[in-house]
Amino acid sequence: MAIVFTTAHSEYAAESYTYNAVDYLLKPITLRRFLAAVEKIENHFGTPALKTQKVDGPHDGWFFVKSGTEHRRIHLDDILYFESRKEYVRVVTDAFEILTYRRLKDVEAQLPESFIRIHQSYIVNMRRMTTLRDNHIHIGETRIPIGDKFRESLMEIIRSRTF
């Protein structure tokens, strides 16, 4: 038997291993983290514990964003930027905005390289960027600040595509 605990309470993590738990998943659980737990189960038994089918991920051009009880399918090309709002992330497209209970760091880990972190609170879709001016990126009429910590890596990308 393999036990994997899933909870939103990190204080029980150490105790879970007294029950010989194979893993402990802290909510919200990312697909990547879930698949790592499945791999641990497979290693524990020495054979595949679950038959998994290939699931299209965000690198296939789309993913779902959960907001409340709704799961909305979003194409990556439609996204202008992500904005951190404490423990929530605002996903902004031309057509709508949606707020999801996620950390920006977790969102960033699942995005392809066309999405660049430019500020502690912002990840932008470089394909939708229109200008870089006065220490800000412009996506249409929206002006997004560039953080000091992220400026050099952004400028490397800009320089590599400048002629």
N, C-alpha and C. Protein backbone atom coordinates (compact mmCIF):
# COMPACT_ATOMS: atom_id res chain seq x y z
N MET A 1 0.85 -1.18 0.00
CA MET A 1 0.00 0.00 0.00
C MET A 1 0.89 1.24 0.00
N ALA A 2 0.52 2.24 -0.80
CA ALA A 2 1.25 3.51 -0.86
C ALA A 2 0.31 4.62 -0.43
N ILE A 3 0.79 5.45 0.47
CA ILE A 3 -0.01 6.57 0.96
C ILE A 3 0.65 7.87 0.53
N VAL A 4 -0.16 8.74 -0.07
CA VAL A 4 0.27 10.09 -0.42
C VAL A 4 -0.72 11.04 0.24
N PHE A 5 -0.23 11.84 1.15
CA PHE A 5 -1.09 12.81 1.82
C PHE A 5 -1.23 14.05 0.95
N THR A 6 -2.44 14.58 0.89
CA THR A 6 -2.67 15.85 0.21
C THR A 6 -3.45 16.74 1.18
N THR A 7 -2.91 17.91 1.43
CA THR A 7 -3.54 18.83 2.37
C THR A 7 -3.03 20.24 2.13
N ALA A 8 -3.72 21.18 2.68
CA ALA A 8 -3.29 22.58 2.62
C ALA A 8 -2.54 22.99 3.88
N HIS A 9 -2.28 22.02 4.76
CA HIS A 9 -1.66 22.31 6.05
C HIS A 9 -0.25 21.73 6.11
N SER A 10 0.75 22.55 5.96
CA SER A 10 2.14 22.08 5.92
C SER A 10 2.62 21.56 7.28
N GLU A 11 1.98 21.94 8.36
CA GLU A 11 2.45 21.51 9.68
C GLU A 11 2.31 20.00 9.92
N TYR A 12 1.57 19.30 9.06
CA TYR A 12 1.41 17.85 9.23
C TYR A 12 2.38 17.04 8.37
N ALA A 13 3.24 17.69 7.63
CA ALA A 13 4.14 16.99 6.70
C ALA A 13 5.04 16.00 7.43
N ALA A 14 5.72 16.42 8.47
CA ALA A 14 6.65 15.53 9.17
C ALA A 14 5.91 14.33 9.77
N GLU A 15 4.74 14.58 10.34
CA GLU A 15 3.97 13.50 10.96
C GLU A 15 3.51 12.47 9.93
N SER A 16 3.28 12.89 8.69
CA SER A 16 2.78 11.96 7.67
C SER A 16 3.75 10.81 7.41
N TYR A 17 5.02 11.07 7.60
CA TYR A 17 6.01 10.02 7.34
C TYR A 17 6.05 8.96 8.44
N THR A 18 5.42 9.22 9.60
CA THR A 18 5.30 8.18 10.62
C THR A 18 4.33 7.10 10.17
N TYR A 19 3.52 7.41 9.17
CA TYR A 19 2.58 6.45 8.58
C TYR A 19 3.16 5.82 7.32
N ASN A 20 4.48 5.95 7.13
CA ASN A 20 5.17 5.43 5.95
C ASN A 20 4.61 5.99 4.65
N ALA A 21 4.29 7.27 4.67
CA ALA A 21 3.78 7.92 3.46
C ALA A 21 4.89 7.96 2.41
N VAL A 22 4.50 7.77 1.18
CA VAL A 22 5.44 7.83 0.07
C VAL A 22 5.73 9.29 -0.27
N ASP A 23 4.72 10.14 -0.11
CA ASP A 23 4.90 11.56 -0.44
C ASP A 23 3.86 12.38 0.30
N TYR A 24 4.05 13.69 0.24
CA TYR A 24 3.16 14.65 0.89
C TYR A 24 2.98 15.81 -0.07
N LEU A 25 1.75 16.03 -0.53
CA LEU A 25 1.48 17.09 -1.50
C LEU A 25 0.76 18.24 -0.80
N LEU A 26 1.33 19.41 -0.92
CA LEU A 26 0.75 20.60 -0.31
C LEU A 26 -0.08 21.34 -1.35
N LYS A 27 -1.32 21.63 -1.02
CA LYS A 27 -2.23 22.32 -1.95
C LYS A 27 -1.86 23.79 -2.04
N PRO A 28 -2.02 24.44 -3.17
CA PRO A 28 -2.52 23.91 -4.43
C PRO A 28 -1.45 23.05 -5.11
N ILE A 29 -1.86 21.95 -5.66
CA ILE A 29 -0.94 20.97 -6.24
C ILE A 29 -0.80 21.23 -7.74
N THR A 30 0.44 21.38 -8.18
CA THR A 30 0.69 21.57 -9.61
C THR A 30 0.75 20.21 -10.29
N LEU A 31 0.53 20.19 -11.58
CA LEU A 31 0.60 18.95 -12.34
C LEU A 31 2.00 18.34 -12.23
N ARG A 32 3.01 19.18 -12.32
CA ARG A 32 4.39 18.71 -12.22
C ARG A 32 4.64 18.01 -10.88
N ARG A 33 4.16 18.59 -9.80
CA ARG A 33 4.36 18.01 -8.47
C ARG A 33 3.57 16.71 -8.31
N PHE A 34 2.36 16.68 -8.86
CA PHE A 34 1.55 15.47 -8.82
C PHE A 34 2.24 14.33 -9.56
N LEU A 35 2.77 14.62 -10.74
CA LEU A 35 3.45 13.58 -11.51
C LEU A 35 4.72 13.09 -10.81
N ALA A 36 5.39 13.98 -10.06
CA ALA A 36 6.56 13.57 -9.27
C ALA A 36 6.13 12.58 -8.18
N ALA A 37 4.97 12.82 -7.58
CA ALA A 37 4.45 11.90 -6.55
C ALA A 37 4.12 10.54 -7.18
N VAL A 38 3.54 10.56 -8.36
CA VAL A 38 3.23 9.30 -9.06
C VAL A 38 4.52 8.53 -9.33
N GLU A 39 5.57 9.25 -9.73
CA GLU A 39 6.86 8.60 -9.98
C GLU A 39 7.42 7.97 -8.70
N LYS A 40 7.25 8.67 -7.57
CA LYS A 40 7.70 8.09 -6.30
C LYS A 40 6.95 6.80 -5.98
N ILE A 41 5.66 6.78 -6.28
CA ILE A 41 4.87 5.56 -6.04
C ILE A 41 5.38 4.43 -6.93
N GLU A 42 5.64 4.76 -8.19
CA GLU A 42 6.16 3.75 -9.12
C GLU A 42 7.50 3.21 -8.62
N ASN A 43 8.37 4.09 -8.15
CA ASN A 43 9.67 3.66 -7.61
C ASN A 43 9.50 2.82 -6.35
N HIS A 44 8.52 3.18 -5.54
CA HIS A 44 8.25 2.46 -4.30
C HIS A 44 7.88 1.00 -4.58
N PHE A 45 7.05 0.77 -5.61
CA PHE A 45 6.61 -0.57 -5.94
C PHE A 45 7.50 -1.26 -6.97
N GLY A 46 8.37 -0.50 -7.63
CA GLY A 46 9.26 -1.08 -8.62
C GLY A 46 8.61 -1.30 -9.96
N THR A 47 7.32 -1.02 -10.08
CA THR A 47 6.60 -1.11 -11.35
C THR A 47 5.66 0.07 -11.44
N PRO A 48 5.21 0.41 -12.64
CA PRO A 48 4.26 1.51 -12.75
C PRO A 48 3.00 1.26 -11.91
N ALA A 49 2.72 2.18 -10.98
CA ALA A 49 1.55 2.03 -10.12
C ALA A 49 0.28 2.49 -10.84
N LEU A 50 0.43 3.45 -11.70
CA LEU A 50 -0.71 3.99 -12.44
C LEU A 50 -0.36 4.06 -13.91
N LYS A 51 -1.30 3.75 -14.74
CA LYS A 51 -1.08 3.95 -16.17
C LYS A 51 -1.50 5.38 -16.46
N THR A 52 -0.58 6.18 -16.93
CA THR A 52 -0.88 7.58 -17.21
C THR A 52 -0.88 7.81 -18.70
N GLN A 53 -1.81 8.62 -19.13
CA GLN A 53 -1.87 9.02 -20.52
C GLN A 53 -1.18 10.36 -20.63
N LYS A 54 -0.65 10.64 -21.81
CA LYS A 54 -0.02 11.94 -22.01
C LYS A 54 -1.12 13.00 -21.97
N VAL A 55 -0.91 13.99 -21.12
CA VAL A 55 -1.86 15.09 -21.00
C VAL A 55 -1.23 16.31 -21.64
N ASP A 56 -1.97 16.97 -22.50
CA ASP A 56 -1.46 18.20 -23.09
C ASP A 56 -1.19 19.18 -21.98
N GLY A 57 -0.03 19.81 -22.02
CA GLY A 57 0.33 20.80 -21.01
C GLY A 57 0.36 22.18 -21.61
N PRO A 58 0.77 23.17 -20.85
CA PRO A 58 0.77 24.53 -21.35
C PRO A 58 1.68 24.72 -22.56
N HIS A 59 2.68 23.84 -22.72
CA HIS A 59 3.58 24.00 -23.85
C HIS A 59 2.91 23.59 -25.16
N ASP A 60 1.72 23.02 -25.08
CA ASP A 60 0.97 22.65 -26.27
C ASP A 60 0.06 23.79 -26.72
N GLY A 61 0.17 24.93 -26.09
CA GLY A 61 -0.57 26.09 -26.53
C GLY A 61 -1.76 26.49 -25.69
N TRP A 62 -2.15 25.70 -24.71
CA TRP A 62 -3.30 26.05 -23.89
C TRP A 62 -3.21 25.38 -22.52
N PHE A 63 -4.01 25.86 -21.60
CA PHE A 63 -4.15 25.24 -20.28
C PHE A 63 -5.43 25.75 -19.66
N PHE A 64 -5.79 25.21 -18.51
CA PHE A 64 -6.98 25.66 -17.79
C PHE A 64 -6.57 26.52 -16.61
N VAL A 65 -7.36 27.55 -16.35
CA VAL A 65 -7.19 28.39 -15.17
C VAL A 65 -8.42 28.19 -14.31
N LYS A 66 -8.20 27.82 -13.04
CA LYS A 66 -9.30 27.61 -12.11
C LYS A 66 -9.55 28.90 -11.35
N SER A 67 -10.81 29.31 -11.36
CA SER A 67 -11.23 30.47 -10.60
C SER A 67 -12.55 30.12 -9.93
N GLY A 68 -12.53 29.98 -8.62
CA GLY A 68 -13.74 29.53 -7.92
C GLY A 68 -14.07 28.12 -8.36
N THR A 69 -15.29 27.92 -8.85
CA THR A 69 -15.70 26.59 -9.32
C THR A 69 -15.54 26.45 -10.83
N GLU A 70 -15.06 27.49 -11.49
CA GLU A 70 -14.92 27.47 -12.95
C GLU A 70 -13.50 27.12 -13.36
N HIS A 71 -13.39 26.33 -14.42
CA HIS A 71 -12.11 26.06 -15.08
C HIS A 71 -12.23 26.63 -16.48
N ARG A 72 -11.42 27.65 -16.80
CA ARG A 72 -11.50 28.30 -18.10
C ARG A 72 -10.29 27.93 -18.93
N ARG A 73 -10.54 27.45 -20.15
CA ARG A 73 -9.45 27.10 -21.06
C ARG A 73 -8.93 28.39 -21.70
N ILE A 74 -7.61 28.56 -21.66
CA ILE A 74 -6.99 29.77 -22.19
C ILE A 74 -5.84 29.38 -23.11
N HIS A 75 -5.79 30.00 -24.26
CA HIS A 75 -4.67 29.81 -25.18
C HIS A 75 -3.53 30.74 -24.74
N LEU A 76 -2.33 30.23 -24.72
CA LEU A 76 -1.18 31.02 -24.28
C LEU A 76 -1.00 32.29 -25.10
N ASP A 77 -1.25 32.22 -26.40
CA ASP A 77 -1.08 33.40 -27.25
C ASP A 77 -2.05 34.52 -26.90
N ASP A 78 -3.16 34.19 -26.24
CA ASP A 78 -4.14 35.20 -25.87
C ASP A 78 -3.76 35.97 -24.61
N ILE A 79 -2.82 35.42 -23.84
CA ILE A 79 -2.45 36.04 -22.56
C ILE A 79 -1.52 37.22 -22.80
N LEU A 80 -1.86 38.35 -22.20
CA LEU A 80 -1.00 39.54 -22.25
C LEU A 80 0.03 39.47 -21.12
N TYR A 81 -0.45 39.24 -19.91
CA TYR A 81 0.46 39.15 -18.76
C TYR A 81 -0.24 38.53 -17.56
N PHE A 82 0.58 38.16 -16.57
CA PHE A 82 0.13 37.67 -15.29
C PHE A 82 0.55 38.69 -14.24
N GLU A 83 -0.32 38.96 -13.29
CA GLU A 83 0.00 39.89 -12.21
C GLU A 83 -0.27 39.25 -10.86
N SER A 84 0.72 39.30 -9.97
CA SER A 84 0.57 38.76 -8.63
C SER A 84 -0.31 39.68 -7.80
N ARG A 85 -1.23 39.08 -7.08
CA ARG A 85 -2.09 39.80 -6.14
C ARG A 85 -2.09 39.02 -4.83
N LYS A 86 -0.97 39.13 -4.09
CA LYS A 86 -0.73 38.36 -2.87
C LYS A 86 -0.78 36.87 -3.19
N GLU A 87 -1.75 36.12 -2.66
CA GLU A 87 -1.80 34.68 -2.94
C GLU A 87 -2.62 34.35 -4.19
N TYR A 88 -3.00 35.35 -4.94
CA TYR A 88 -3.75 35.16 -6.19
C TYR A 88 -2.92 35.66 -7.37
N VAL A 89 -3.30 35.19 -8.55
CA VAL A 89 -2.69 35.67 -9.79
C VAL A 89 -3.80 36.11 -10.71
N ARG A 90 -3.66 37.31 -11.25
CA ARG A 90 -4.60 37.83 -12.23
C ARG A 90 -4.05 37.51 -13.62
N VAL A 91 -4.83 36.81 -14.43
CA VAL A 91 -4.46 36.47 -15.79
C VAL A 91 -5.20 37.45 -16.69
N VAL A 92 -4.44 38.20 -17.52
CA VAL A 92 -5.04 39.25 -18.34
C VAL A 92 -4.90 38.89 -19.82
N THR A 93 -6.04 38.90 -20.52
CA THR A 93 -6.06 38.70 -21.97
C THR A 93 -6.73 39.91 -22.60
N ASP A 94 -6.80 39.95 -23.92
CA ASP A 94 -7.52 41.03 -24.59
C ASP A 94 -9.01 41.01 -24.24
N ALA A 95 -9.55 39.81 -24.12
CA ALA A 95 -11.00 39.65 -23.96
C ALA A 95 -11.49 39.66 -22.52
N PHE A 96 -10.66 39.20 -21.58
CA PHE A 96 -11.13 39.08 -20.20
C PHE A 96 -9.95 39.02 -19.23
N GLU A 97 -10.27 39.11 -17.95
CA GLU A 97 -9.32 38.91 -16.85
C GLU A 97 -9.92 37.84 -15.95
N ILE A 98 -9.05 37.04 -15.35
CA ILE A 98 -9.53 36.02 -14.43
C ILE A 98 -8.55 35.94 -13.26
N LEU A 99 -9.08 35.75 -12.07
CA LEU A 99 -8.26 35.68 -10.86
C LEU A 99 -8.24 34.23 -10.38
N THR A 100 -7.04 33.72 -10.10
CA THR A 100 -6.91 32.34 -9.65
C THR A 100 -6.07 32.27 -8.38
N TYR A 101 -6.38 31.31 -7.54
CA TYR A 101 -5.68 31.14 -6.27
C TYR A 101 -4.41 30.34 -6.53
N ARG A 102 -3.35 31.04 -6.89
CA ARG A 102 -2.04 30.45 -7.19
C ARG A 102 -0.97 31.47 -6.83
N ARG A 103 0.25 30.98 -6.67
CA ARG A 103 1.39 31.88 -6.51
C ARG A 103 1.99 32.12 -7.88
N LEU A 104 2.49 33.31 -8.11
CA LEU A 104 3.08 33.65 -9.39
C LEU A 104 4.26 32.73 -9.70
N LYS A 105 5.00 32.36 -8.68
CA LYS A 105 6.14 31.46 -8.84
C LYS A 105 5.71 30.11 -9.42
N ASP A 106 4.56 29.59 -8.98
CA ASP A 106 4.05 28.32 -9.48
C ASP A 106 3.59 28.43 -10.93
N VAL A 107 2.98 29.55 -11.25
CA VAL A 107 2.55 29.80 -12.64
C VAL A 107 3.78 29.87 -13.54
N GLU A 108 4.78 30.62 -13.10
CA GLU A 108 6.00 30.82 -13.87
C GLU A 108 6.66 29.48 -14.23
N ALA A 109 6.65 28.54 -13.31
CA ALA A 109 7.30 27.24 -13.53
C ALA A 109 6.63 26.43 -14.64
N GLN A 110 5.40 26.76 -14.99
CA GLN A 110 4.67 26.00 -15.99
C GLN A 110 4.60 26.68 -17.35
N LEU A 111 5.22 27.84 -17.48
CA LEU A 111 5.10 28.60 -18.72
C LEU A 111 6.28 28.36 -19.66
N PRO A 112 6.03 28.48 -20.97
CA PRO A 112 7.13 28.37 -21.94
C PRO A 112 8.00 29.63 -21.90
N GLU A 113 9.13 29.59 -22.61
CA GLU A 113 10.11 30.67 -22.53
C GLU A 113 9.65 32.00 -23.12
N SER A 114 8.56 32.03 -23.85
CA SER A 114 8.06 33.31 -24.37
C SER A 114 7.46 34.18 -23.27
N PHE A 115 7.27 33.62 -22.08
CA PHE A 115 6.78 34.38 -20.93
C PHE A 115 7.96 34.69 -20.03
N ILE A 116 8.15 35.97 -19.74
CA ILE A 116 9.33 36.43 -19.01
C ILE A 116 8.90 37.16 -17.74
N ARG A 117 9.55 36.82 -16.65
CA ARG A 117 9.33 37.53 -15.39
C ARG A 117 10.09 38.84 -15.47
N ILE A 118 9.40 39.97 -15.37
CA ILE A 118 10.06 41.27 -15.48
C ILE A 118 9.98 42.08 -14.19
N HIS A 119 9.27 41.55 -13.22
CA HIS A 119 9.04 42.26 -11.97
C HIS A 119 8.60 41.23 -10.94
N GLN A 120 8.75 41.53 -9.67
CA GLN A 120 8.31 40.61 -8.63
C GLN A 120 6.83 40.26 -8.79
N SER A 121 6.07 41.18 -9.37
CA SER A 121 4.63 40.98 -9.49
C SER A 121 4.13 40.71 -10.91
N TYR A 122 5.03 40.66 -11.91
CA TYR A 122 4.56 40.52 -13.29
C TYR A 122 5.36 39.51 -14.11
N ILE A 123 4.63 38.73 -14.90
CA ILE A 123 5.19 37.91 -15.97
C ILE A 123 4.48 38.36 -17.23
N VAL A 124 5.24 38.66 -18.28
CA VAL A 124 4.64 39.15 -19.51
C VAL A 124 4.85 38.17 -20.66
N ASN A 125 3.93 38.22 -21.60
CA ASN A 125 4.05 37.45 -22.83
C ASN A 125 4.85 38.31 -23.80
N MET A 126 6.10 37.95 -24.03
CA MET A 126 6.97 38.76 -24.90
C MET A 126 6.42 38.86 -26.32
N ARG A 127 5.62 37.92 -26.73
CA ARG A 127 5.03 37.97 -28.07
C ARG A 127 3.99 39.08 -28.18
N ARG A 128 3.48 39.55 -27.05
CA ARG A 128 2.46 40.61 -27.05
C ARG A 128 3.03 41.98 -26.69
N MET A 129 4.31 42.03 -26.35
CA MET A 129 4.96 43.30 -25.99
C MET A 129 5.04 44.21 -27.22
N THR A 130 4.74 45.49 -27.03
CA THR A 130 4.83 46.43 -28.15
C THR A 130 6.04 47.34 -28.05
N THR A 131 6.35 47.85 -26.86
CA THR A 131 7.53 48.72 -26.70
C THR A 131 8.15 48.56 -25.32
N LEU A 132 9.41 48.98 -25.26
CA LEU A 132 10.15 49.07 -24.01
C LEU A 132 10.60 50.52 -23.93
N ARG A 133 10.13 51.23 -22.90
CA ARG A 133 10.44 52.64 -22.79
C ARG A 133 10.38 53.07 -21.33
N ASP A 134 11.35 53.89 -20.93
CA ASP A 134 11.36 54.48 -19.59
C ASP A 134 11.20 53.44 -18.49
N ASN A 135 11.95 52.33 -18.58
CA ASN A 135 11.95 51.30 -17.57
C ASN A 135 10.58 50.62 -17.40
N HIS A 136 9.82 50.60 -18.50
CA HIS A 136 8.52 49.93 -18.51
C HIS A 136 8.35 49.17 -19.82
N ILE A 137 7.62 48.07 -19.73
CA ILE A 137 7.20 47.36 -20.94
C ILE A 137 5.78 47.81 -21.22
N HIS A 138 5.50 47.99 -22.50
CA HIS A 138 4.15 48.37 -22.92
C HIS A 138 3.56 47.21 -23.71
N ILE A 139 2.37 46.82 -23.32
CA ILE A 139 1.59 45.84 -24.07
C ILE A 139 0.31 46.58 -24.43
N GLY A 140 0.26 47.05 -25.67
CA GLY A 140 -0.84 47.94 -26.05
C GLY A 140 -0.73 49.21 -25.23
N GLU A 141 -1.81 49.57 -24.57
CA GLU A 141 -1.83 50.77 -23.73
C GLU A 141 -1.42 50.50 -22.28
N THR A 142 -1.20 49.25 -21.94
CA THR A 142 -0.85 48.88 -20.56
C THR A 142 0.65 49.06 -20.34
N ARG A 143 0.99 49.74 -19.26
CA ARG A 143 2.38 50.03 -18.90
C ARG A 143 2.75 49.21 -17.67
N ILE A 144 3.79 48.35 -17.81
CA ILE A 144 4.17 47.44 -16.73
C ILE A 144 5.62 47.73 -16.33
N PRO A 145 5.88 47.96 -15.04
CA PRO A 145 7.24 48.30 -14.60
C PRO A 145 8.21 47.11 -14.70
N ILE A 146 9.48 47.44 -14.90
CA ILE A 146 10.54 46.42 -14.91
C ILE A 146 11.27 46.52 -13.58
N GLY A 147 11.34 45.43 -12.85
CA GLY A 147 12.03 45.40 -11.56
C GLY A 147 13.54 45.35 -11.74
N ASP A 148 14.27 45.97 -10.82
CA ASP A 148 15.73 46.00 -10.87
C ASP A 148 16.32 44.59 -10.96
N LYS A 149 15.76 43.68 -10.20
CA LYS A 149 16.24 42.31 -10.13
C LYS A 149 16.13 41.57 -11.48
N PHE A 150 15.18 41.99 -12.33
CA PHE A 150 14.89 41.29 -13.57
C PHE A 150 15.38 42.04 -14.82
N ARG A 151 15.87 43.25 -14.63
CA ARG A 151 16.23 44.12 -15.76
C ARG A 151 17.30 43.52 -16.66
N GLU A 152 18.39 43.01 -16.08
CA GLU A 152 19.50 42.54 -16.91
C GLU A 152 19.11 41.34 -17.76
N SER A 153 18.39 40.37 -17.20
CA SER A 153 18.00 39.20 -18.00
C SER A 153 17.01 39.60 -19.10
N LEU A 154 16.15 40.56 -18.82
CA LEU A 154 15.24 41.05 -19.86
C LEU A 154 16.03 41.75 -20.96
N MET A 155 17.00 42.58 -20.57
CA MET A 155 17.78 43.32 -21.57
C MET A 155 18.62 42.38 -22.43
N GLU A 156 19.07 41.25 -21.87
CA GLU A 156 19.78 40.26 -22.68
C GLU A 156 18.89 39.74 -23.79
N ILE A 157 17.65 39.47 -23.45
CA ILE A 157 16.69 38.99 -24.46
C ILE A 157 16.43 40.07 -25.50
N ILE A 158 16.25 41.30 -25.05
CA ILE A 158 16.00 42.42 -25.97
C ILE A 158 17.21 42.61 -26.89
N ARG A 159 18.42 42.62 -26.33
CA ARG A 159 19.61 42.79 -27.15
C ARG A 159 19.79 41.67 -28.17
N SER A 160 19.46 40.44 -27.77
CA SER A 160 19.62 39.31 -28.69
C SER A 160 18.65 39.37 -29.86
N ARG A 161 17.62 40.20 -29.75
CA ARG A 161 16.63 40.32 -30.82
C ARG A 161 16.58 41.73 -31.41
N THR A 162 17.63 42.49 -31.20
CA THR A 162 17.68 43.86 -31.71
C THR A 162 18.59 43.91 -32.93
N PHE A 163 18.14 44.62 -33.96
CA PHE A 163 19.01 44.86 -35.12
C PHE A 163 18.85 46.27 -35.59
